[in-house]
């Protein structure tokens, strides 16, 4: 059942998207220092946050919203076959090894 109104966001989705964006931003710190100005990073940060938020919203609404389903299906079709499988960040792995 589709809705033409602007989708609403839960605080939980916004909070989770902000958390993921912070992990992405921290993982990009060396790249930022070497290749991007602070001004460019300021422009990139909301793009990352809003993209993550949109992806989470669409994924969570996949089963009940036709537009969300179309969006998610399109994004999945766009993933190149040559992309490597995601891995855990080395800093996270080291932290777990120290604590374990």
PDB file of N, CA and C in Angstrom:
ATOM      1  N   UNK A   1       0.843  -1.161   0.000  1.00  0.00           N
ATOM      2  CA  UNK A   1       0.000   0.000   0.000  1.00  0.00           C
ATOM      3  C   UNK A   1       0.898   1.237   0.000  1.00  0.00           C
ATOM      4  N   UNK A   2       0.945   1.885  -1.126  1.00  0.00           N
ATOM      5  CA  UNK A   2       1.823   3.031  -1.336  1.00  0.00           C
ATOM      6  C   UNK A   2       1.207   4.307  -0.812  1.00  0.00           C
ATOM      7  N   UNK A   3       2.108   5.234  -0.514  1.00  0.00           N
ATOM      8  CA  UNK A   3       1.676   6.519   0.001  1.00  0.00           C
ATOM      9  C   UNK A   3       2.458   7.594  -0.739  1.00  0.00           C
ATOM     10  N   UNK A   4       1.765   8.599  -1.291  1.00  0.00           N
ATOM     11  CA  UNK A   4       2.448   9.630  -2.065  1.00  0.00           C
ATOM     12  C   UNK A   4       2.992  10.748  -1.185  1.00  0.00           C
ATOM     13  N   UNK A   5       2.627  10.754   0.085  1.00  0.00           N
ATOM     14  CA  UNK A   5       3.168  11.758   0.997  1.00  0.00           C
ATOM     15  C   UNK A   5       4.637  11.477   1.286  1.00  0.00           C
ATOM     16  N   UNK A   6       5.325  12.511   1.747  1.00  0.00           N
ATOM     17  CA  UNK A   6       6.712  12.327   2.155  1.00  0.00           C
ATOM     18  C   UNK A   6       6.754  11.314   3.292  1.00  0.00           C
ATOM     19  N   UNK A   7       7.601  10.297   3.158  1.00  0.00           N
ATOM     20  CA  UNK A   7       7.680   9.288   4.222  1.00  0.00           C
ATOM     21  C   UNK A   7       8.133   9.901   5.537  1.00  0.00           C
ATOM     22  N   UNK A   8       7.609   9.388   6.619  1.00  0.00           N
ATOM     23  CA  UNK A   8       8.043   9.875   7.925  1.00  0.00           C
ATOM     24  C   UNK A   8       9.199   9.015   8.420  1.00  0.00           C
ATOM     25  N   UNK A   9      10.055   9.643   9.203  1.00  0.00           N
ATOM     26  CA  UNK A   9      11.206   8.955   9.773  1.00  0.00           C
ATOM     27  C   UNK A   9      11.005   8.783  11.266  1.00  0.00           C
ATOM     28  N   UNK A  10      11.370   7.628  11.761  1.00  0.00           N
ATOM     29  CA  UNK A  10      11.347   7.440  13.200  1.00  0.00           C
ATOM     30  C   UNK A  10      12.642   7.998  13.780  1.00  0.00           C
ATOM     31  N   UNK A  11      12.592   8.371  15.028  1.00  0.00           N
ATOM     32  CA  UNK A  11      13.805   8.825  15.717  1.00  0.00           C
ATOM     33  C   UNK A  11      14.844   7.702  15.730  1.00  0.00           C
ATOM     34  N   UNK A  12      14.384   6.474  15.840  1.00  0.00           N
ATOM     35  CA  UNK A  12      15.291   5.328  15.847  1.00  0.00           C
ATOM     36  C   UNK A  12      16.069   5.237  14.526  1.00  0.00           C
ATOM     37  N   UNK A  13      15.376   5.401  13.397  1.00  0.00           N
ATOM     38  CA  UNK A  13      16.052   5.359  12.094  1.00  0.00           C
ATOM     39  C   UNK A  13      17.039   6.510  11.978  1.00  0.00           C
ATOM     40  N   UNK A  14      16.637   7.700  12.403  1.00  0.00           N
ATOM     41  CA  UNK A  14      17.538   8.851  12.354  1.00  0.00           C
ATOM     42  C   UNK A  14      18.768   8.622  13.234  1.00  0.00           C
ATOM     43  N   UNK A  15      18.550   8.101  14.422  1.00  0.00           N
ATOM     44  CA  UNK A  15      19.645   7.855  15.364  1.00  0.00           C
ATOM     45  C   UNK A  15      20.609   6.799  14.811  1.00  0.00           C
ATOM     46  N   UNK A  16      20.056   5.715  14.285  1.00  0.00           N
ATOM     47  CA  UNK A  16      20.870   4.636  13.737  1.00  0.00           C
ATOM     48  C   UNK A  16      21.648   5.120  12.510  1.00  0.00           C
ATOM     49  N   UNK A  17      21.012   5.922  11.649  1.00  0.00           N
ATOM     50  CA  UNK A  17      21.694   6.474  10.470  1.00  0.00           C
ATOM     51  C   UNK A  17      22.839   7.389  10.890  1.00  0.00           C
ATOM     52  N   UNK A  18      22.623   8.191  11.916  1.00  0.00           N
ATOM     53  CA  UNK A  18      23.676   9.086  12.405  1.00  0.00           C
ATOM     54  C   UNK A  18      24.844   8.283  12.956  1.00  0.00           C
ATOM     55  N   UNK A  19      24.546   7.221  13.684  1.00  0.00           N
ATOM     56  CA  UNK A  19      25.598   6.346  14.204  1.00  0.00           C
ATOM     57  C   UNK A  19      26.415   5.729  13.067  1.00  0.00           C
ATOM     58  N   UNK A  20      25.743   5.161  12.070  1.00  0.00           N
ATOM     59  CA  UNK A  20      26.453   4.548  10.943  1.00  0.00           C
ATOM     60  C   UNK A  20      27.270   5.595  10.201  1.00  0.00           C
ATOM     61  N   UNK A  21      26.712   6.781  10.007  1.00  0.00           N
ATOM     62  CA  UNK A  21      27.445   7.858   9.330  1.00  0.00           C
ATOM     63  C   UNK A  21      28.703   8.237  10.110  1.00  0.00           C
ATOM     64  N   UNK A  22      28.633   8.205  11.430  1.00  0.00           N
ATOM     65  CA  UNK A  22      29.814   8.516  12.237  1.00  0.00           C
ATOM     66  C   UNK A  22      30.883   7.448  12.061  1.00  0.00           C
ATOM     67  N   UNK A  23      30.484   6.186  11.975  1.00  0.00           N
ATOM     68  CA  UNK A  23      31.443   5.108  11.744  1.00  0.00           C
ATOM     69  C   UNK A  23      32.097   5.293  10.373  1.00  0.00           C
ATOM     70  N   UNK A  24      31.301   5.628   9.366  1.00  0.00           N
ATOM     71  CA  UNK A  24      31.831   5.879   8.021  1.00  0.00           C
ATOM     72  C   UNK A  24      32.789   7.058   8.056  1.00  0.00           C
ATOM     73  N   UNK A  25      32.385   8.139   8.691  1.00  0.00           N
ATOM     74  CA  UNK A  25      33.208   9.342   8.751  1.00  0.00           C
ATOM     75  C   UNK A  25      34.546   9.071   9.440  1.00  0.00           C
ATOM     76  N   UNK A  26      34.514   8.342  10.553  1.00  0.00           N
ATOM     77  CA  UNK A  26      35.747   8.023  11.265  1.00  0.00           C
ATOM     78  C   UNK A  26      36.651   7.111  10.432  1.00  0.00           C
ATOM     79  N   UNK A  27      36.048   6.185   9.691  1.00  0.00           N
ATOM     80  CA  UNK A  27      36.838   5.296   8.834  1.00  0.00           C
ATOM     81  C   UNK A  27      37.470   6.062   7.674  1.00  0.00           C
ATOM     82  N   UNK A  28      36.894   7.196   7.312  1.00  0.00           N
ATOM     83  CA  UNK A  28      37.405   8.011   6.201  1.00  0.00           C
ATOM     84  C   UNK A  28      38.418   9.067   6.646  1.00  0.00           C
ATOM     85  N   UNK A  29      38.746   9.124   7.917  1.00  0.00           N
ATOM     86  CA  UNK A  29      39.576  10.220   8.428  1.00  0.00           C
ATOM     87  C   UNK A  29      40.914  10.350   7.697  1.00  0.00           C
ATOM     88  N   UNK A  30      41.625   9.275   7.499  1.00  0.00           N
ATOM     89  CA  UNK A  30      42.905   9.363   6.785  1.00  0.00           C
ATOM     90  C   UNK A  30      42.699   9.833   5.349  1.00  0.00           C
ATOM     91  N   UNK A  31      41.660   9.312   4.694  1.00  0.00           N
ATOM     92  CA  UNK A  31      41.347   9.739   3.322  1.00  0.00           C
ATOM     93  C   UNK A  31      41.019  11.230   3.307  1.00  0.00           C
ATOM     94  N   UNK A  32      40.245  11.656   4.289  1.00  0.00           N
ATOM     95  CA  UNK A  32      39.894  13.074   4.417  1.00  0.00           C
ATOM     96  C   UNK A  32      41.153  13.925   4.521  1.00  0.00           C
ATOM     97  N   UNK A  33      42.052  13.556   5.411  1.00  0.00           N
ATOM     98  CA  UNK A  33      43.282  14.343   5.620  1.00  0.00           C
ATOM     99  C   UNK A  33      44.145  14.405   4.359  1.00  0.00           C
ATOM    100  N   UNK A  34      44.174  13.323   3.610  1.00  0.00           N
ATOM    101  CA  UNK A  34      45.031  13.255   2.426  1.00  0.00           C
ATOM    102  C   UNK A  34      44.402  13.831   1.162  1.00  0.00           C
ATOM    103  N   UNK A  35      43.064  13.804   1.060  1.00  0.00           N
ATOM    104  CA  UNK A  35      42.435  14.115  -0.222  1.00  0.00           C
ATOM    105  C   UNK A  35      41.309  15.147  -0.190  1.00  0.00           C
ATOM    106  N   UNK A  36      40.761  15.433   0.972  1.00  0.00           N
ATOM    107  CA  UNK A  36      39.596  16.318   1.035  1.00  0.00           C
ATOM    108  C   UNK A  36      39.853  17.476   1.988  1.00  0.00           C
ATOM    109  N   UNK A  37      39.361  18.637   1.618  1.00  0.00           N
ATOM    110  CA  UNK A  37      39.434  19.779   2.523  1.00  0.00           C
ATOM    111  C   UNK A  37      38.328  19.644   3.571  1.00  0.00           C
ATOM    112  N   UNK A  38      38.432  20.435   4.640  1.00  0.00           N
ATOM    113  CA  UNK A  38      37.363  20.443   5.646  1.00  0.00           C
ATOM    114  C   UNK A  38      36.042  20.891   5.020  1.00  0.00           C
ATOM    115  N   UNK A  39      36.105  21.822   4.099  1.00  0.00           N
ATOM    116  CA  UNK A  39      34.889  22.299   3.423  1.00  0.00           C
ATOM    117  C   UNK A  39      34.245  21.170   2.608  1.00  0.00           C
ATOM    118  N   UNK A  40      35.057  20.394   1.910  1.00  0.00           N
ATOM    119  CA  UNK A  40      34.524  19.263   1.152  1.00  0.00           C
ATOM    120  C   UNK A  40      33.922  18.216   2.087  1.00  0.00           C
ATOM    121  N   UNK A  41      34.563  17.986   3.217  1.00  0.00           N
ATOM    122  CA  UNK A  41      34.040  17.027   4.189  1.00  0.00           C
ATOM    123  C   UNK A  41      32.707  17.508   4.746  1.00  0.00           C
ATOM    124  N   UNK A  42      32.596  18.811   4.979  1.00  0.00           N
ATOM    125  CA  UNK A  42      31.339  19.368   5.483  1.00  0.00           C
ATOM    126  C   UNK A  42      30.204  19.161   4.473  1.00  0.00           C
ATOM    127  N   UNK A  43      30.544  19.168   3.199  1.00  0.00           N
ATOM    128  CA  UNK A  43      29.545  18.923   2.161  1.00  0.00           C
ATOM    129  C   UNK A  43      29.235  17.433   2.047  1.00  0.00           C
ATOM    130  N   UNK A  44      30.243  16.603   2.227  1.00  0.00           N
ATOM    131  CA  UNK A  44      30.072  15.162   2.098  1.00  0.00           C
ATOM    132  C   UNK A  44      29.306  14.548   3.271  1.00  0.00           C
ATOM    133  N   UNK A  45      29.539  15.035   4.485  1.00  0.00           N
ATOM    134  CA  UNK A  45      28.914  14.440   5.673  1.00  0.00           C
ATOM    135  C   UNK A  45      27.393  14.341   5.591  1.00  0.00           C
ATOM    136  N   UNK A  46      26.658  15.410   5.241  1.00  0.00           N
ATOM    137  CA  UNK A  46      25.201  15.249   5.166  1.00  0.00           C
ATOM    138  C   UNK A  46      24.758  14.336   4.021  1.00  0.00           C
ATOM    139  N   UNK A  47      25.541  14.272   2.951  1.00  0.00           N
ATOM    140  CA  UNK A  47      25.210  13.341   1.867  1.00  0.00           C
ATOM    141  C   UNK A  47      25.265  11.915   2.406  1.00  0.00           C
ATOM    142  N   UNK A  48      26.312  11.596   3.152  1.00  0.00           N
ATOM    143  CA  UNK A  48      26.464  10.262   3.733  1.00  0.00           C
ATOM    144  C   UNK A  48      25.330   9.983   4.721  1.00  0.00           C
ATOM    145  N   UNK A  49      25.073  10.912   5.642  1.00  0.00           N
ATOM    146  CA  UNK A  49      24.005  10.716   6.645  1.00  0.00           C
ATOM    147  C   UNK A  49      22.648  10.510   5.983  1.00  0.00           C
ATOM    148  N   UNK A  50      22.310  11.367   5.023  1.00  0.00           N
ATOM    149  CA  UNK A  50      20.991  11.290   4.384  1.00  0.00           C
ATOM    150  C   UNK A  50      20.852  10.039   3.519  1.00  0.00           C
ATOM    151  N   UNK A  51      21.942   9.623   2.902  1.00  0.00           N
ATOM    152  CA  UNK A  51      21.911   8.407   2.093  1.00  0.00           C
ATOM    153  C   UNK A  51      21.688   7.185   2.975  1.00  0.00           C
ATOM    154  N   UNK A  52      22.401   7.121   4.077  1.00  0.00           N
ATOM    155  CA  UNK A  52      22.232   6.002   5.009  1.00  0.00           C
ATOM    156  C   UNK A  52      20.817   5.992   5.569  1.00  0.00           C
ATOM    157  N   UNK A  53      20.328   7.151   5.932  1.00  0.00           N
ATOM    158  CA  UNK A  53      18.971   7.260   6.472  1.00  0.00           C
ATOM    159  C   UNK A  53      17.939   6.773   5.447  1.00  0.00           C
ATOM    160  N   UNK A  54      18.110   7.189   4.195  1.00  0.00           N
ATOM    161  CA  UNK A  54      17.201   6.768   3.128  1.00  0.00           C
ATOM    162  C   UNK A  54      17.267   5.261   2.921  1.00  0.00           C
ATOM    163  N   UNK A  55      18.486   4.711   2.894  1.00  0.00           N
ATOM    164  CA  UNK A  55      18.646   3.268   2.701  1.00  0.00           C
ATOM    165  C   UNK A  55      17.990   2.485   3.833  1.00  0.00           C
ATOM    166  N   UNK A  56      18.183   2.931   5.064  1.00  0.00           N
ATOM    167  CA  UNK A  56      17.561   2.248   6.203  1.00  0.00           C
ATOM    168  C   UNK A  56      16.041   2.323   6.125  1.00  0.00           C
ATOM    169  N   UNK A  57      15.525   3.516   5.839  1.00  0.00           N
ATOM    170  CA  UNK A  57      14.067   3.688   5.755  1.00  0.00           C
ATOM    171  C   UNK A  57      13.481   2.782   4.680  1.00  0.00           C
ATOM    172  N   UNK A  58      14.076   2.794   3.498  1.00  0.00           N
ATOM    173  CA  UNK A  58      13.556   1.979   2.404  1.00  0.00           C
ATOM    174  C   UNK A  58      13.643   0.491   2.745  1.00  0.00           C
ATOM    175  N   UNK A  59      14.766   0.068   3.321  1.00  0.00           N
ATOM    176  CA  UNK A  59      14.944  -1.337   3.668  1.00  0.00           C
ATOM    177  C   UNK A  59      13.918  -1.781   4.714  1.00  0.00           C
ATOM    178  N   UNK A  60      13.691  -0.947   5.730  1.00  0.00           N
ATOM    179  CA  UNK A  60      12.728  -1.296   6.785  1.00  0.00           C
ATOM    180  C   UNK A  60      11.286  -1.287   6.288  1.00  0.00           C
ATOM    181  N   UNK A  61      11.014  -0.561   5.221  1.00  0.00           N
ATOM    182  CA  UNK A  61       9.648  -0.465   4.693  1.00  0.00           C
ATOM    183  C   UNK A  61       9.442  -1.293   3.429  1.00  0.00           C
ATOM    184  N   UNK A  62      10.398  -2.130   3.111  1.00  0.00           N
ATOM    185  CA  UNK A  62      10.402  -2.914   1.877  1.00  0.00           C
ATOM    186  C   UNK A  62       9.111  -3.722   1.684  1.00  0.00           C
ATOM    187  N   UNK A  63       8.667  -4.381   2.716  1.00  0.00           N
ATOM    188  CA  UNK A  63       7.519  -5.286   2.581  1.00  0.00           C
ATOM    189  C   UNK A  63       6.177  -4.575   2.508  1.00  0.00           C
ATOM    190  N   UNK A  64       6.109  -3.311   2.943  1.00  0.00           N
ATOM    191  CA  UNK A  64       4.808  -2.651   2.992  1.00  0.00           C
ATOM    192  C   UNK A  64       4.691  -1.413   2.112  1.00  0.00           C
ATOM    193  N   UNK A  65       5.735  -1.097   1.365  1.00  0.00           N
ATOM    194  CA  UNK A  65       5.702   0.129   0.570  1.00  0.00           C
ATOM    195  C   UNK A  65       6.302  -0.121  -0.813  1.00  0.00           C
ATOM    196  N   UNK A  66       5.500   0.065  -1.846  1.00  0.00           N
ATOM    197  CA  UNK A  66       5.949  -0.228  -3.211  1.00  0.00           C
ATOM    198  C   UNK A  66       7.145   0.622  -3.637  1.00  0.00           C
ATOM    199  N   UNK A  67       7.143   1.909  -3.294  1.00  0.00           N
ATOM    200  CA  UNK A  67       8.262   2.774  -3.670  1.00  0.00           C
ATOM    201  C   UNK A  67       9.547   2.348  -2.958  1.00  0.00           C
ATOM    202  N   UNK A  68       9.427   1.974  -1.694  1.00  0.00           N
ATOM    203  CA  UNK A  68      10.597   1.484  -0.949  1.00  0.00           C
ATOM    204  C   UNK A  68      11.131   0.224  -1.616  1.00  0.00           C
ATOM    205  N   UNK A  69      10.245  -0.673  -1.990  1.00  0.00           N
ATOM    206  CA  UNK A  69      10.647  -1.922  -2.640  1.00  0.00           C
ATOM    207  C   UNK A  69      11.354  -1.635  -3.969  1.00  0.00           C
ATOM    208  N   UNK A  70      10.818  -0.731  -4.760  1.00  0.00           N
ATOM    209  CA  UNK A  70      11.453  -0.374  -6.037  1.00  0.00           C
ATOM    210  C   UNK A  70      12.844   0.219  -5.798  1.00  0.00           C
ATOM    211  N   UNK A  71      12.952   1.098  -4.815  1.00  0.00           N
ATOM    212  CA  UNK A  71      14.229   1.743  -4.501  1.00  0.00           C
ATOM    213  C   UNK A  71      15.268   0.702  -4.099  1.00  0.00           C
ATOM    214  N   UNK A  72      14.901  -0.171  -3.171  1.00  0.00           N
ATOM    215  CA  UNK A  72      15.836  -1.191  -2.680  1.00  0.00           C
ATOM    216  C   UNK A  72      16.215  -2.154  -3.802  1.00  0.00           C
ATOM    217  N   UNK A  73      15.235  -2.616  -4.553  1.00  0.00           N
ATOM    218  CA  UNK A  73      15.522  -3.546  -5.647  1.00  0.00           C
ATOM    219  C   UNK A  73      16.467  -2.921  -6.662  1.00  0.00           C
ATOM    220  N   UNK A  74      16.247  -1.657  -6.999  1.00  0.00           N
ATOM    221  CA  UNK A  74      17.124  -0.958  -7.943  1.00  0.00           C
ATOM    222  C   UNK A  74      18.545  -0.881  -7.398  1.00  0.00           C
ATOM    223  N   UNK A  75      18.682  -0.508  -6.132  1.00  0.00           N
ATOM    224  CA  UNK A  75      20.017  -0.387  -5.536  1.00  0.00           C
ATOM    225  C   UNK A  75      20.741  -1.728  -5.534  1.00  0.00           C
ATOM    226  N   UNK A  76      20.024  -2.801  -5.201  1.00  0.00           N
ATOM    227  CA  UNK A  76      20.646  -4.128  -5.219  1.00  0.00           C
ATOM    228  C   UNK A  76      21.099  -4.502  -6.627  1.00  0.00           C
ATOM    229  N   UNK A  77      20.294  -4.166  -7.634  1.00  0.00           N
ATOM    230  CA  UNK A  77      20.688  -4.459  -9.022  1.00  0.00           C
ATOM    231  C   UNK A  77      21.922  -3.669  -9.437  1.00  0.00           C
ATOM    232  N   UNK A  78      22.169  -2.527  -8.840  1.00  0.00           N
ATOM    233  CA  UNK A  78      23.285  -1.660  -9.204  1.00  0.00           C
ATOM    234  C   UNK A  78      24.627  -2.094  -8.584  1.00  0.00           C
ATOM    235  N   UNK A  79      24.603  -3.007  -7.616  1.00  0.00           N
ATOM    236  CA  UNK A  79      25.841  -3.429  -6.962  1.00  0.00           C
ATOM    237  C   UNK A  79      26.697  -4.193  -7.975  1.00  0.00           C
ATOM    238  N   UNK A  80      27.908  -3.699  -8.251  1.00  0.00           N
ATOM    239  CA  UNK A  80      28.765  -4.379  -9.228  1.00  0.00           C
ATOM    240  C   UNK A  80      29.189  -5.756  -8.731  1.00  0.00           C
ATOM    241  N   UNK A  81      29.285  -6.689  -9.657  1.00  0.00           N
ATOM    242  CA  UNK A  81      29.693  -8.058  -9.310  1.00  0.00           C
ATOM    243  C   UNK A  81      31.121  -8.096  -8.785  1.00  0.00           C
ATOM    244  N   UNK A  82      31.945  -7.130  -9.189  1.00  0.00           N
ATOM    245  CA  UNK A  82      33.353  -7.147  -8.797  1.00  0.00           C
ATOM    246  C   UNK A  82      33.599  -6.590  -7.397  1.00  0.00           C
ATOM    247  N   UNK A  83      32.576  -6.034  -6.736  1.00  0.00           N
ATOM    248  CA  UNK A  83      32.781  -5.535  -5.380  1.00  0.00           C
ATOM    249  C   UNK A  83      33.112  -6.687  -4.446  1.00  0.00           C
ATOM    250  N   UNK A  84      34.096  -6.446  -3.576  1.00  0.00           N
ATOM    251  CA  UNK A  84      34.444  -7.433  -2.577  1.00  0.00           C
ATOM    252  C   UNK A  84      33.350  -7.464  -1.500  1.00  0.00           C
ATOM    253  N   UNK A  85      33.255  -8.602  -0.826  1.00  0.00           N
ATOM    254  CA  UNK A  85      32.320  -8.702   0.294  1.00  0.00           C
ATOM    255  C   UNK A  85      32.790  -7.763   1.405  1.00  0.00           C
ATOM    256  N   UNK A  86      31.876  -7.132   2.124  1.00  0.00           N
ATOM    257  CA  UNK A  86      32.275  -6.260   3.233  1.00  0.00           C
ATOM    258  C   UNK A  86      33.022  -7.038   4.305  1.00  0.00           C
ATOM    259  N   UNK A  87      33.914  -6.324   4.978  1.00  0.00           N
ATOM    260  CA  UNK A  87      34.688  -6.896   6.077  1.00  0.00           C
ATOM    261  C   UNK A  87      34.607  -5.965   7.277  1.00  0.00           C
ATOM    262  N   UNK A  88      34.945  -6.499   8.429  1.00  0.00           N
ATOM    263  CA  UNK A  88      34.992  -5.670   9.632  1.00  0.00           C
ATOM    264  C   UNK A  88      36.179  -4.722   9.553  1.00  0.00           C
ATOM    265  N   UNK A  89      36.016  -3.524  10.090  1.00  0.00           N
ATOM    266  CA  UNK A  89      37.104  -2.555  10.121  1.00  0.00           C
ATOM    267  C   UNK A  89      38.227  -3.060  11.020  1.00  0.00           C
ATOM    268  N   UNK A  90      39.480  -2.874  10.599  1.00  0.00           N
ATOM    269  CA  UNK A  90      40.622  -3.356  11.390  1.00  0.00           C
ATOM    270  C   UNK A  90      40.641  -2.822  12.825  1.00  0.00           C
ATOM    271  N   UNK A  91      40.280  -1.554  13.035  1.00  0.00           N
ATOM    272  CA  UNK A  91      40.259  -0.996  14.390  1.00  0.00           C
ATOM    273  C   UNK A  91      39.277  -1.741  15.293  1.00  0.00           C
ATOM    274  N   UNK A  92      38.137  -2.106  14.739  1.00  0.00           N
ATOM    275  CA  UNK A  92      37.129  -2.839  15.498  1.00  0.00           C
ATOM    276  C   UNK A  92      37.640  -4.235  15.850  1.00  0.00           C
ATOM    277  N   UNK A  93      38.271  -4.894  14.883  1.00  0.00           N
ATOM    278  CA  UNK A  93      38.813  -6.239  15.110  1.00  0.00           C
ATOM    279  C   UNK A  93      39.884  -6.186  16.202  1.00  0.00           C
ATOM    280  N   UNK A  94      40.782  -5.181  16.115  1.00  0.00           N
ATOM    281  CA  UNK A  94      41.842  -5.047  17.147  1.00  0.00           C
ATOM    282  C   UNK A  94      41.237  -4.798  18.524  1.00  0.00           C
ATOM    283  N   UNK A  95      40.218  -3.974  18.598  1.00  0.00           N
ATOM    284  CA  UNK A  95      39.562  -3.693  19.866  1.00  0.00           C
ATOM    285  C   UNK A  95      38.991  -4.978  20.467  1.00  0.00           C
ATOM    286  N   UNK A  96      38.343  -5.760  19.644  1.00  0.00           N
ATOM    287  CA  UNK A  96      37.770  -7.013  20.126  1.00  0.00           C
ATOM    288  C   UNK A  96      38.843  -7.984  20.578  1.00  0.00           C
ATOM    289  N   UNK A  97      39.960  -8.018  19.851  1.00  0.00           N
ATOM    290  CA  UNK A  97      41.071  -8.913  20.217  1.00  0.00           C
ATOM    291  C   UNK A  97      41.670  -8.525  21.556  1.00  0.00           C
ATOM    292  N   UNK A  98      41.791  -7.215  21.789  1.00  0.00           N
ATOM    293  CA  UNK A  98      42.333  -6.738  23.082  1.00  0.00           C
ATOM    294  C   UNK A  98      41.397  -7.053  24.219  1.00  0.00           C
ATOM    295  N   UNK A  99      40.096  -6.933  23.976  1.00  0.00           N
ATOM    296  CA  UNK A  99      39.113  -7.162  25.039  1.00  0.00           C
ATOM    297  C   UNK A  99      38.877  -8.649  25.269  1.00  0.00           C
ATOM    298  N   UNK A 100      39.107  -9.463  24.252  1.00  0.00           N
ATOM    299  CA  UNK A 100      38.807 -10.899  24.328  1.00  0.00           C
ATOM    300  C   UNK A 100      39.861 -11.645  25.014  1.00  0.00           C
TER     301      UNK A 100
END
